[in-house]
Amino acid sequence: MPIYEYLCEQCGNEFELLVFKNDNPVCPACGEKEPKRKMSSFGFSVGYKFKPSSTSTGSSGCASCGSSNCSSCG
């Protein structure tokens, strides 16, 4: 039972909806029976992979870049 994001082209309403197997989504604002499913931000990759922290230096390091002093992660 995934939650999908929709955009109603009739009224411009953006909404999320829990969709069961044979459900047909309906816009809760205007009743449009064919809202367009949006690409969920959850489905996009962030463009990098997590690297394990460096074990040779003994520091815990940053989870995303492996640095022991990461200015972007703190």
C-alpha atoms as a PDB file:
ATOM      1  CA  MET A   1       0.000   0.000   0.000  1.00  0.00           C
ATOM      2  CA  PRO A   2       2.228   2.808  -1.228  1.00  0.00           C
ATOM      3  CA  ILE A   3       1.605   6.504  -0.730  1.00  0.00           C
ATOM      4  CA  TYR A   4       1.678   8.366  -4.034  1.00  0.00           C
ATOM      5  CA  GLU A   5       1.930  12.085  -4.731  1.00  0.00           C
ATOM      6  CA  TYR A   6      -0.532  13.542  -7.215  1.00  0.00           C
ATOM      7  CA  LEU A   7      -1.136  16.790  -9.086  1.00  0.00           C
ATOM      8  CA  CYS A   8      -4.613  17.665 -10.257  1.00  0.00           C
ATOM      9  CA  GLU A   9      -4.355  19.441 -13.594  1.00  0.00           C
ATOM     10  CA  GLN A  10      -7.975  20.597 -13.254  1.00  0.00           C
ATOM     11  CA  CYS A  11      -7.541  22.708 -10.088  1.00  0.00           C
ATOM     12  CA  GLY A  12      -3.777  22.623  -9.391  1.00  0.00           C
ATOM     13  CA  ASN A  13      -4.157  20.770  -6.084  1.00  0.00           C
ATOM     14  CA  GLU A  14      -1.142  18.700  -4.973  1.00  0.00           C
ATOM     15  CA  PHE A  15      -1.897  15.857  -2.586  1.00  0.00           C
ATOM     16  CA  GLU A  16      -0.708  12.497  -1.268  1.00  0.00           C
ATOM     17  CA  LEU A  17      -2.880   9.408  -1.275  1.00  0.00           C
ATOM     18  CA  LEU A  18      -2.575   5.910   0.140  1.00  0.00           C
ATOM     19  CA  VAL A  19      -3.389   3.701  -2.837  1.00  0.00           C
ATOM     20  CA  PHE A  20      -4.690   0.162  -2.551  1.00  0.00           C
ATOM     21  CA  LYS A  21      -4.396  -2.372  -5.375  1.00  0.00           C
ATOM     22  CA  ASN A  22      -7.423  -1.446  -7.497  1.00  0.00           C
ATOM     23  CA  ASP A  23      -8.065   2.106  -6.247  1.00  0.00           C
ATOM     24  CA  ASN A  24      -8.568   4.932  -8.703  1.00  0.00           C
ATOM     25  CA  PRO A  25      -7.371   8.228  -7.205  1.00  0.00           C
ATOM     26  CA  VAL A  26      -9.724  11.201  -7.044  1.00  0.00           C
ATOM     27  CA  CYS A  27      -8.697  14.794  -6.301  1.00  0.00           C
ATOM     28  CA  PRO A  28     -10.042  15.671  -2.835  1.00  0.00           C
ATOM     29  CA  ALA A  29     -10.427  19.349  -3.787  1.00  0.00           C
ATOM     30  CA  CYS A  30     -12.436  19.189  -7.005  1.00  0.00           C
ATOM     31  CA  GLY A  31     -13.283  15.519  -7.605  1.00  0.00           C
ATOM     32  CA  GLU A  32     -11.221  15.140 -10.797  1.00  0.00           C
ATOM     33  CA  LYS A  33     -11.024  11.407 -11.522  1.00  0.00           C
ATOM     34  CA  GLU A  34      -7.653  11.399 -13.316  1.00  0.00           C
ATOM     35  CA  PRO A  35      -5.029  13.333 -11.339  1.00  0.00           C
ATOM     36  CA  LYS A  36      -1.464  12.879 -12.578  1.00  0.00           C
ATOM     37  CA  ARG A  37       0.962  10.948 -10.410  1.00  0.00           C
ATOM     38  CA  LYS A  38       4.081  12.967  -9.587  1.00  0.00           C
ATOM     39  CA  MET A  39       7.589  11.649  -9.201  1.00  0.00           C
ATOM     40  CA  SER A  40       8.140  11.353  -5.495  1.00  0.00           C
ATOM     41  CA  SER A  41      11.268  12.954  -4.063  1.00  0.00           C
ATOM     42  CA  PHE A  42      11.825   9.642  -2.281  1.00  0.00           C
ATOM     43  CA  GLY A  43      12.388   7.995  -5.657  1.00  0.00           C
ATOM     44  CA  PHE A  44      15.304  10.193  -6.640  1.00  0.00           C
ATOM     45  CA  SER A  45      18.931   9.419  -5.860  1.00  0.00           C
ATOM     46  CA  VAL A  46      20.923  12.073  -4.039  1.00  0.00           C
ATOM     47  CA  GLY A  47      23.857  11.587  -6.410  1.00  0.00           C
ATOM     48  CA  TYR A  48      26.424  10.106  -4.046  1.00  0.00           C
ATOM     49  CA  LYS A  49      27.040   6.941  -2.144  1.00  0.00           C
ATOM     50  CA  PHE A  50      27.902   6.708   1.507  1.00  0.00           C
ATOM     51  CA  LYS A  51      31.512   5.786   2.103  1.00  0.00           C
ATOM     52  CA  PRO A  52      32.623   3.878   5.165  1.00  0.00           C
ATOM     53  CA  SER A  53      34.639   5.880   7.647  1.00  0.00           C
ATOM     54  CA  SER A  54      38.384   5.533   7.427  1.00  0.00           C
ATOM     55  CA  THR A  55      39.709   2.868   9.789  1.00  0.00           C
ATOM     56  CA  SER A  56      43.394   3.533   9.052  1.00  0.00           C
ATOM     57  CA  THR A  57      43.397   6.892  10.854  1.00  0.00           C
ATOM     58  CA  GLY A  58      41.282   5.708  13.755  1.00  0.00           C
ATOM     59  CA  SER A  59      38.851   8.599  13.394  1.00  0.00           C
ATOM     60  CA  SER A  60      35.130   8.067  13.111  1.00  0.00           C
ATOM     61  CA  GLY A  61      34.873  10.324  10.059  1.00  0.00           C
ATOM     62  CA  CYS A  62      31.887  11.698   8.227  1.00  0.00           C
ATOM     63  CA  ALA A  63      29.373   9.158   6.938  1.00  0.00           C
ATOM     64  CA  SER A  64      29.073  10.791   3.517  1.00  0.00           C
ATOM     65  CA  CYS A  65      32.670  11.776   2.722  1.00  0.00           C
ATOM     66  CA  GLY A  66      34.945   9.917   5.165  1.00  0.00           C
ATOM     67  CA  SER A  67      36.610  13.097   6.422  1.00  0.00           C
ATOM     68  CA  SER A  68      37.354  13.532  10.112  1.00  0.00           C
ATOM     69  CA  ASN A  69      36.543  17.261   9.849  1.00  0.00           C
ATOM     70  CA  CYS A  70      33.602  17.780   7.525  1.00  0.00           C
ATOM     71  CA  SER A  71      32.325  21.357   7.327  1.00  0.00           C
ATOM     72  CA  SER A  72      29.083  20.351   5.583  1.00  0.00           C
ATOM     73  CA  CYS A  73      28.076  17.740   8.172  1.00  0.00           C
ATOM     74  CA  GLY A  74      29.504  19.351  11.263  1.00  0.00           C
END
